[in-house]
Amino acid sequence: MAAIRLLHARSCQLTQEIIWLLSGGFADAAMARWRTLREATAVASLIGEHGEDFSGALFRA
């Protein structure tokens, strides 16, 4: 579950960055952060589906 916790913390941070960037008028930068958030969500989904052992293989690669 450590990998999921780390991804969750990073996702919360990314969400705050997206909000800050959008409120400052930096839509392109916010979109780049949103893509990173989407990737983190996909990785978390894969780890949830395949288990914590799968996360070791992901992060070693």
Protein backbone atom coordinates (compact mmCIF):
# COMPACT_ATOMS: atom_id res chain seq x y z
CA MET A 1 0.00 0.00 0.00
CA ALA A 2 3.00 2.30 0.23
CA ALA A 3 2.97 2.93 -3.51
CA ILE A 4 -0.73 3.80 -3.47
CA ARG A 5 -0.18 6.21 -0.56
CA LEU A 6 2.67 7.91 -2.39
CA LEU A 7 0.60 8.22 -5.56
CA HIS A 8 -2.33 9.61 -3.57
CA ALA A 9 -0.12 12.23 -1.92
CA ARG A 10 1.35 13.21 -5.28
CA SER A 11 -2.14 13.37 -6.81
CA CYS A 12 -3.31 15.73 -4.07
CA GLN A 13 -0.29 17.94 -4.70
CA LEU A 14 -0.93 17.92 -8.45
CA THR A 15 -4.57 18.85 -7.89
CA GLN A 16 -3.55 21.87 -5.85
CA GLU A 17 -1.05 22.89 -8.52
CA ILE A 18 -3.73 22.60 -11.21
CA ILE A 19 -6.12 24.80 -9.22
CA TRP A 20 -3.40 27.36 -8.60
CA LEU A 21 -2.32 27.42 -12.25
CA LEU A 22 -5.89 27.76 -13.51
CA SER A 23 -6.63 30.59 -11.10
CA GLY A 24 -3.49 32.34 -12.31
CA GLY A 25 -4.47 32.00 -15.96
CA PHE A 26 -1.88 29.37 -16.89
CA ALA A 27 -4.14 26.96 -18.72
CA ASP A 28 -1.37 25.26 -20.72
CA ALA A 29 0.68 24.50 -17.62
CA ALA A 30 -2.45 23.28 -15.82
CA MET A 31 -3.19 20.94 -18.72
CA ALA A 32 0.32 19.49 -18.49
CA ARG A 33 -0.19 18.85 -14.75
CA TRP A 34 -3.57 17.31 -15.52
CA ARG A 35 -1.91 14.84 -17.90
CA THR A 36 0.54 13.92 -15.13
CA LEU A 37 -2.39 13.47 -12.73
CA ARG A 38 -4.10 11.22 -15.27
CA GLU A 39 -0.94 9.08 -15.55
CA ALA A 40 -0.74 8.77 -11.76
CA THR A 41 -4.37 7.65 -11.71
CA ALA A 42 -3.68 5.01 -14.35
CA VAL A 43 -0.67 3.69 -12.41
CA ALA A 44 -2.70 3.56 -9.17
CA SER A 45 -5.43 1.67 -11.00
CA LEU A 46 -2.93 -0.87 -12.31
CA ILE A 47 -1.43 -1.35 -8.84
CA GLY A 48 -4.91 -1.78 -7.38
CA GLU A 49 -5.78 -4.35 -10.02
CA HIS A 50 -2.55 -6.36 -9.93
CA GLY A 51 -1.40 -5.92 -6.34
CA GLU A 52 1.49 -4.34 -4.50
CA ASP A 53 4.02 -6.73 -6.06
CA PHE A 54 3.23 -5.19 -9.42
CA SER A 55 4.23 -1.77 -8.12
CA GLY A 56 7.78 -3.02 -7.47
CA ALA A 57 8.06 -4.10 -11.09
CA LEU A 58 6.72 -0.73 -12.27
CA PHE A 59 9.06 1.40 -10.21
CA ARG A 60 12.15 -0.71 -10.93
CA ALA A 61 11.65 -0.45 -14.69
